[in-house]
Amino acid sequence: MAQQRMARYDATVISSLRKRTSLVVIVVAAILASTGAAGATRPDSVPTQSALKGASDLSVIVEPSRLGSASGMQPIYSFVLSAKKSLDMTMYELADATMESDLIEDAHRGVRVRVILDSNRERSRNTAAFDTLKAGGVKVVWADPSYEATHQKTISVDDDRSLILSGNLTAEYYTTTRDFGIFDSNPTDVEAIEAVFAADFDHKPITPVNGTDLVWSPGSEPQMLAVIDGARHTLSIENEEMDDSAITSAIAAAAARGVNVEVTMTADTYDASLDEIVKAGGHVHLYADYSSDLYIHAKTTIADAGRSDEKLYVGSVNFSSASMEYNRELGIITTNAAVIADLNSVVTGDYTNCTAATDCRSYA
């Protein structure tokens, strides 16, 4: 089941958005003490735990979880409750009573809890959580209105770990949407994320630092294009939106130069962009908006997976001009082989499973 939403960031297409939100639920054991059994490879049933090989500052999480919205969320709740000194959260949408309770519990334990919630697009949806957190002693503010939307989804704990998400904290969608996230314990990245949080919390201007591998909006389009333009063999994409002409042209150009392009989305109103990609030789896979069990809300681009020059983007940035140029957004670009292999296996499963049986159609 999919949920129609009218919050498209680009004013020219506001009336056509069907937006879904979710939070990633699977956490690597090295980050959190949680366990989960591996599941089947249906589009809405992926392994509930990833074991990355070797030391790394990055770890993958994937949503949906077979565990469901209650037990499947427990690792994320545990991450929030692990805070000893501080917890900073920037969230586009928050509608999860358990998460709200955990944030309040942190505050009552003496943890400095600060939360930024979007106001320009999602104030009405976030008001209940805002009021609950404020009454519970959490320092919560509305996002800086100078951004078209604060679409970032990040949780940072104790100034040494950050969770960068493509999905939101909206409980009703935890089991039905595809989303990804990255735990990042790289000190340079965490420091940069916390510096931007502090400025955004106080509504002060800041020029974000990219740390080791961060991608910030406004201004993310060049980095997004660089991943696409760098593909030489394969390019796998999941995104909720496809209405930026430069991005569409870059994907089509990759297909035209012989790159195997696979784009997986939920059906929406991007026919012209998708037609351009297919005409150039790319493949497009569209899950049905309302009847499919899977909604593609993820925002990821994977270039040349498994090769020496492989690269991956994942985060909150959609392929729209508003998302890249006018919103506050955060993502990450990495060449980490284990992370890329993990996410690529899920993305590959999503387009491979695009059949009539999953209410999905492929175009080539």
Protein backbone atom coordinates (compact mmCIF):
# COMPACT_ATOMS: atom_id res chain seq x y z
CA MET A 1 0.00 0.00 0.00
CA ALA A 2 1.25 3.50 -0.79
CA GLN A 3 0.25 6.84 0.70
CA GLN A 4 -0.55 9.83 -1.44
CA ARG A 5 1.23 12.96 -0.35
CA MET A 6 1.03 16.52 -1.62
CA ALA A 7 4.35 17.82 -0.32
CA ARG A 8 6.49 17.82 -3.46
CA TYR A 9 9.34 20.23 -2.88
CA ASP A 10 9.18 21.74 -6.35
CA ALA A 11 6.22 24.12 -6.46
CA THR A 12 5.62 23.28 -10.10
CA VAL A 13 4.75 19.68 -9.25
CA ILE A 14 3.25 19.97 -5.77
CA SER A 15 -0.11 18.58 -6.87
CA SER A 16 1.36 15.32 -8.12
CA LEU A 17 3.37 14.00 -5.15
CA ARG A 18 2.58 10.69 -3.59
CA LYS A 19 5.10 10.68 -0.80
CA ARG A 20 5.89 7.91 1.58
CA THR A 21 8.14 7.95 4.56
CA SER A 22 9.86 5.36 6.65
CA LEU A 23 12.85 4.69 8.84
CA VAL A 24 15.54 2.20 8.20
CA VAL A 25 15.42 -0.58 10.74
CA ILE A 26 18.32 -3.05 10.36
CA VAL A 27 21.48 -2.24 12.28
CA VAL A 28 24.88 -3.85 12.00
CA ALA A 29 25.84 -5.81 15.10
CA ALA A 30 29.12 -3.93 15.47
CA ILE A 31 27.15 -0.74 16.06
CA LEU A 32 24.30 -1.95 18.21
CA ALA A 33 23.80 -5.10 20.24
CA SER A 34 20.86 -6.42 18.30
CA THR A 35 20.16 -9.55 16.32
CA GLY A 36 17.83 -10.62 13.54
CA ALA A 37 17.33 -13.62 11.34
CA ALA A 38 17.96 -13.42 7.62
CA GLY A 39 14.86 -13.33 5.52
CA ALA A 40 13.79 -14.22 2.02
CA THR A 41 14.60 -11.93 -0.87
CA ARG A 42 11.12 -10.67 -1.68
CA PRO A 43 11.15 -6.91 -2.27
CA ASP A 44 9.60 -6.30 1.17
CA SER A 45 11.68 -8.92 2.95
CA VAL A 46 15.41 -8.36 3.19
CA PRO A 47 17.92 -9.73 5.69
CA THR A 48 17.33 -8.19 9.08
CA GLN A 49 21.02 -7.81 9.85
CA SER A 50 24.09 -7.00 7.76
CA ALA A 51 27.52 -8.28 8.77
CA LEU A 52 30.16 -6.11 7.15
CA LYS A 53 33.62 -7.62 6.76
CA GLY A 54 36.59 -5.73 8.14
CA ALA A 55 36.98 -2.55 10.13
CA SER A 56 35.05 0.40 8.81
CA ASP A 57 33.64 3.74 9.89
CA LEU A 58 30.46 2.94 7.91
CA SER A 59 27.73 0.36 8.35
CA VAL A 60 24.58 -0.31 6.32
CA ILE A 61 20.95 -0.43 7.38
CA VAL A 62 18.02 -1.42 5.19
CA GLU A 63 14.25 -1.04 5.44
CA PRO A 64 11.72 -2.74 5.37
CA SER A 65 12.46 -5.31 8.02
CA ARG A 66 10.64 -8.62 8.29
CA LEU A 67 10.40 -7.96 12.02
CA GLY A 68 7.58 -5.44 11.67
CA SER A 69 7.15 -1.91 12.94
CA ALA A 70 7.40 -2.79 16.64
CA SER A 71 10.24 -5.31 17.04
CA GLY A 72 11.98 -4.13 13.87
CA MET A 73 12.41 -0.64 15.29
CA GLN A 74 14.07 -1.82 18.48
CA PRO A 75 17.68 -1.40 17.25
CA ILE A 76 17.01 2.24 16.39
CA TYR A 77 15.30 2.89 19.70
CA SER A 78 18.31 1.26 21.38
CA PHE A 79 20.64 3.56 19.49
CA VAL A 80 18.72 6.59 20.75
CA LEU A 81 18.65 5.25 24.31
CA SER A 82 22.41 4.55 24.19
CA ALA A 83 23.12 8.28 24.44
CA LYS A 84 25.06 9.20 27.54
CA LYS A 85 25.81 12.89 26.97
CA SER A 86 24.01 14.23 23.92
CA LEU A 87 21.60 13.42 21.12
CA ASP A 88 20.95 15.69 18.15
CA MET A 89 18.22 14.88 15.62
CA THR A 90 17.19 16.60 12.41
CA MET A 91 14.00 15.07 11.01
CA TYR A 92 11.69 15.94 8.16
CA GLU A 93 8.80 13.98 9.65
CA LEU A 94 8.35 12.59 13.16
CA ALA A 95 5.25 10.59 14.04
CA ASP A 96 6.38 7.74 16.29
CA ALA A 97 5.16 7.62 19.88
CA THR A 98 7.88 5.20 20.98
CA MET A 99 10.65 7.36 19.55
CA GLU A 100 9.18 10.44 21.16
CA SER A 101 9.06 8.63 24.50
CA ASP A 102 12.67 7.51 24.14
CA LEU A 103 13.84 11.05 23.41
CA ILE A 104 12.03 12.28 26.50
CA GLU A 105 13.55 9.46 28.55
CA ASP A 106 17.00 10.52 27.40
CA ALA A 107 16.28 14.08 28.49
CA HIS A 108 15.08 12.90 31.89
CA ARG A 109 18.35 10.95 32.30
CA GLY A 110 20.30 14.17 31.86
CA VAL A 111 21.19 13.72 28.21
CA ARG A 112 21.18 16.97 26.24
CA VAL A 113 18.53 16.23 23.63
CA ARG A 114 17.99 18.66 20.76
CA VAL A 115 15.60 18.13 17.86
CA ILE A 116 14.97 20.10 14.66
CA LEU A 117 11.67 19.40 12.87
CA ASP A 118 10.68 20.64 9.43
CA SER A 119 8.22 23.51 9.43
CA ASN A 120 7.86 24.76 5.86
CA ARG A 121 6.39 21.51 4.46
CA GLU A 122 5.50 19.29 7.41
CA ARG A 123 4.59 21.59 10.30
CA SER A 124 1.05 20.24 10.61
CA ARG A 125 2.28 16.65 10.60
CA ASN A 126 5.07 17.41 13.09
CA THR A 127 3.09 19.58 15.52
CA ALA A 128 1.94 16.71 17.75
CA ALA A 129 5.50 15.44 18.16
CA PHE A 130 6.82 18.97 18.67
CA ASP A 131 4.35 19.61 21.48
CA THR A 132 4.99 16.22 23.10
CA LEU A 133 8.76 16.66 23.08
CA LYS A 134 8.59 20.20 24.38
CA ALA A 135 6.31 19.17 27.24
CA GLY A 136 8.72 16.33 28.02
CA GLY A 137 11.73 18.57 28.44
CA VAL A 138 13.35 18.08 25.03
CA LYS A 139 14.87 21.13 23.36
CA VAL A 140 12.92 21.14 20.10
CA VAL A 141 12.81 23.89 17.47
CA TRP A 142 11.20 24.43 14.11
CA ALA A 143 13.63 24.30 11.22
CA ASP A 144 15.08 27.44 9.68
CA PRO A 145 12.38 28.73 7.27
CA SER A 146 15.03 29.99 4.86
CA TYR A 147 15.24 26.47 3.43
CA GLU A 148 12.43 25.36 1.16
CA ALA A 149 12.29 22.28 3.35
CA THR A 150 14.50 20.71 5.99
CA HIS A 151 14.39 17.25 4.46
CA GLN A 152 17.49 15.93 6.25
CA LYS A 153 17.08 12.82 8.42
CA THR A 154 19.97 12.40 10.85
CA ILE A 155 20.51 11.24 14.43
CA SER A 156 23.84 11.87 16.19
CA VAL A 157 24.75 10.43 19.59
CA ASP A 158 27.47 11.60 21.99
CA ASP A 159 29.36 13.48 19.26
CA ASP A 160 30.88 10.23 17.96
CA ARG A 161 28.19 8.41 15.92
CA SER A 162 25.73 9.63 13.30
CA LEU A 163 22.95 7.82 11.47
CA ILE A 164 22.30 9.27 8.00
CA LEU A 165 18.93 8.18 6.61
CA SER A 166 16.84 8.34 3.48
CA GLY A 167 13.69 7.68 5.53
CA ASN A 168 11.79 9.45 8.27
CA LEU A 169 10.52 8.51 11.71
CA THR A 170 6.94 7.80 10.66
CA ALA A 171 5.71 4.61 12.31
CA GLU A 172 2.87 3.77 9.95
CA TYR A 173 5.27 3.26 7.03
CA TYR A 174 8.09 1.27 8.64
CA THR A 175 7.13 -2.03 7.01
CA THR A 176 6.16 -0.89 3.53
CA THR A 177 8.83 1.41 2.10
CA ARG A 178 12.31 0.82 0.77
CA ASP A 179 14.86 3.00 2.53
CA PHE A 180 18.54 2.91 3.33
CA GLY A 181 20.85 4.46 5.85
CA ILE A 182 24.45 4.59 6.97
CA PHE A 183 25.93 4.58 10.46
CA ASP A 184 28.96 6.84 10.31
CA SER A 185 31.55 6.91 13.10
CA ASN A 186 34.19 8.79 11.12
CA PRO A 187 35.21 11.64 13.45
CA THR A 188 35.59 14.15 10.62
CA ASP A 189 32.11 13.40 9.31
CA VAL A 190 30.47 13.47 12.74
CA GLU A 191 32.15 16.77 13.57
CA ALA A 192 30.87 18.29 10.31
CA ILE A 193 27.33 16.98 10.90
CA GLU A 194 27.26 18.36 14.43
CA ALA A 195 28.59 21.75 13.30
CA VAL A 196 25.77 22.09 10.79
CA PHE A 197 23.24 20.90 13.36
CA ALA A 198 24.35 23.57 15.84
CA ALA A 199 24.00 26.31 13.23
CA ASP A 200 20.65 25.05 11.96
CA PHE A 201 19.33 24.68 15.52
CA ASP A 202 20.11 28.36 16.15
CA HIS A 203 19.00 29.45 12.64
CA LYS A 204 22.49 30.73 11.88
CA PRO A 205 24.12 30.62 8.43
CA ILE A 206 26.84 28.07 7.82
CA THR A 207 28.82 26.73 4.90
CA PRO A 208 28.80 22.96 5.54
CA VAL A 209 32.04 21.01 5.44
CA ASN A 210 31.89 17.73 3.52
CA GLY A 211 34.05 15.87 6.02
CA THR A 212 35.40 12.67 4.48
CA ASP A 213 32.48 11.87 2.20
CA LEU A 214 29.37 13.94 3.02
CA VAL A 215 26.92 15.50 0.56
CA TRP A 216 25.01 18.61 1.66
CA SER A 217 22.12 20.49 0.15
CA PRO A 218 21.73 23.23 -0.88
CA GLY A 219 24.35 22.69 -3.57
CA SER A 220 24.51 18.90 -3.94
CA GLU A 221 23.83 18.59 -7.68
CA PRO A 222 27.52 18.56 -8.80
CA GLN A 223 28.33 15.69 -6.43
CA MET A 224 25.26 13.73 -7.52
CA LEU A 225 26.15 14.22 -11.18
CA ALA A 226 29.75 13.16 -10.56
CA VAL A 227 28.64 9.71 -9.38
CA ILE A 228 26.44 9.24 -12.46
CA ASP A 229 28.98 10.65 -14.90
CA GLY A 230 31.69 8.41 -13.46
CA ALA A 231 29.85 5.17 -14.22
CA ARG A 232 31.54 3.09 -16.92
CA HIS A 233 29.90 -0.33 -16.62
CA THR A 234 26.81 -0.35 -14.38
CA LEU A 235 24.54 2.26 -12.81
CA SER A 236 21.77 1.25 -10.40
CA ILE A 237 19.42 3.92 -9.07
CA GLU A 238 16.55 4.06 -6.62
CA ASN A 239 14.88 7.42 -6.08
CA GLU A 240 11.46 8.81 -5.31
CA GLU A 241 11.67 11.71 -7.74
CA MET A 242 13.03 12.18 -11.25
CA ASP A 243 12.34 15.73 -12.37
CA ASP A 244 15.74 17.41 -12.58
CA SER A 245 16.73 17.76 -16.23
CA ALA A 246 20.49 17.64 -15.61
CA ILE A 247 20.20 14.40 -13.65
CA THR A 248 17.90 12.83 -16.25
CA SER A 249 20.25 13.80 -19.07
CA ALA A 250 23.24 12.39 -17.21
CA ILE A 251 21.49 9.05 -16.64
CA ALA A 252 20.46 8.92 -20.30
CA ALA A 253 24.00 9.78 -21.38
CA ALA A 254 25.34 6.90 -19.28
CA ALA A 255 22.95 4.49 -21.00
CA ALA A 256 23.88 5.88 -24.42
CA ARG A 257 27.61 5.27 -23.82
CA GLY A 258 26.93 1.61 -23.00
CA VAL A 259 26.50 1.64 -19.23
CA ASN A 260 23.93 -0.91 -18.00
CA VAL A 261 21.43 1.47 -16.36
CA GLU A 262 18.76 0.15 -13.99
CA VAL A 263 16.35 2.69 -12.47
CA THR A 264 13.84 1.46 -9.88
CA MET A 265 11.05 3.71 -8.63
CA THR A 266 7.41 3.80 -7.62
CA ALA A 267 5.12 4.90 -10.45
CA ASP A 268 4.45 8.65 -10.44
CA THR A 269 4.33 11.49 -12.96
CA TYR A 270 7.85 11.37 -14.37
CA ASP A 271 6.99 9.87 -17.76
CA ALA A 272 9.04 12.33 -19.82
CA SER A 273 12.20 11.78 -17.77
CA LEU A 274 11.80 8.02 -17.73
CA ASP A 275 11.05 7.91 -21.46
CA GLU A 276 14.30 9.78 -22.10
CA ILE A 277 16.24 7.18 -20.10
CA VAL A 278 14.56 4.22 -21.81
CA LYS A 279 15.05 5.76 -25.27
CA ALA A 280 18.78 6.03 -24.54
CA GLY A 281 18.96 2.33 -23.70
CA GLY A 282 18.33 2.35 -19.95
CA HIS A 283 15.98 0.07 -18.03
CA VAL A 284 13.20 1.43 -15.82
CA HIS A 285 11.28 -0.59 -13.21
CA LEU A 286 8.13 0.90 -11.67
CA TYR A 287 6.29 -0.52 -8.67
CA ALA A 288 2.60 0.37 -8.58
CA ASP A 289 1.70 3.33 -6.38
CA TYR A 290 -1.16 1.90 -4.37
CA SER A 291 -1.36 -1.86 -4.86
CA SER A 292 2.30 -2.88 -4.54
CA ASP A 293 3.73 -4.13 -1.24
CA LEU A 294 6.83 -2.01 -1.78
CA TYR A 295 7.18 1.75 -2.10
CA ILE A 296 10.55 3.04 -3.32
CA HIS A 297 11.39 5.95 -1.06
CA ALA A 298 15.16 5.31 -1.06
CA LYS A 299 17.59 7.72 -2.63
CA THR A 300 20.67 5.84 -3.78
CA THR A 301 22.97 5.75 -6.81
CA ILE A 302 25.45 2.89 -7.26
CA ALA A 303 28.10 3.11 -9.97
CA ASP A 304 30.22 0.13 -11.11
CA ALA A 305 29.45 -2.09 -8.12
CA GLY A 306 32.08 -4.77 -7.57
CA ARG A 307 34.74 -3.01 -9.63
CA SER A 308 37.82 -1.11 -8.54
CA ASP A 309 36.22 2.27 -9.24
CA GLU A 310 32.87 1.53 -7.58
CA LYS A 311 31.04 4.36 -5.84
CA LEU A 312 27.76 4.78 -3.98
CA TYR A 313 25.57 7.68 -2.89
CA VAL A 314 22.85 7.28 -0.25
CA GLY A 315 20.96 9.86 1.80
CA SER A 316 17.98 12.19 1.80
CA VAL A 317 18.54 13.97 -1.54
CA ASN A 318 15.93 13.34 -4.23
CA PHE A 319 16.50 13.92 -7.94
CA SER A 320 14.66 17.26 -7.95
CA SER A 321 16.09 20.74 -8.27
CA ALA A 322 14.45 21.77 -5.00
CA SER A 323 16.01 18.87 -3.12
CA MET A 324 19.48 19.55 -4.50
CA GLU A 325 19.47 23.35 -4.51
CA TYR A 326 16.95 24.71 -1.97
CA ASN A 327 16.41 22.15 0.81
CA ARG A 328 18.59 21.26 3.78
CA GLU A 329 19.61 17.67 2.95
CA LEU A 330 22.37 15.27 3.88
CA GLY A 331 23.80 12.20 2.19
CA ILE A 332 27.06 10.36 1.84
CA ILE A 333 29.23 9.17 -1.06
CA THR A 334 31.49 6.20 -0.39
CA THR A 335 33.79 3.73 -2.11
CA ASN A 336 33.52 1.28 0.81
CA ALA A 337 33.28 -2.12 -0.92
CA ALA A 338 31.33 -3.85 1.86
CA VAL A 339 28.76 -1.05 2.07
CA ILE A 340 28.32 -0.99 -1.71
CA ALA A 341 27.95 -4.78 -1.92
CA ASP A 342 25.31 -4.72 0.82
CA LEU A 343 23.15 -2.02 -0.74
CA ASN A 344 23.69 -3.23 -4.29
CA SER A 345 22.33 -6.67 -3.39
CA VAL A 346 19.09 -5.09 -2.19
CA VAL A 347 18.74 -2.75 -5.17
CA THR A 348 19.45 -5.63 -7.56
CA GLY A 349 16.78 -7.68 -5.83
CA ASP A 350 14.28 -4.84 -6.18
CA TYR A 351 14.59 -4.55 -9.95
CA THR A 352 14.92 -8.32 -10.42
CA ASN A 353 11.71 -8.79 -8.46
CA CYS A 354 9.87 -6.23 -10.60
CA THR A 355 7.31 -8.56 -12.15
CA ALA A 356 3.56 -8.77 -12.58
CA ALA A 357 3.47 -10.84 -9.39
CA THR A 358 4.82 -7.89 -7.40
CA ASP A 359 2.64 -5.39 -9.26
CA CYS A 360 5.65 -3.90 -10.97
CA ARG A 361 6.41 -3.19 -14.64
CA SER A 362 9.80 -3.00 -16.35
CA TYR A 363 10.56 -0.93 -19.43
CA ALA A 364 13.58 -1.25 -21.69
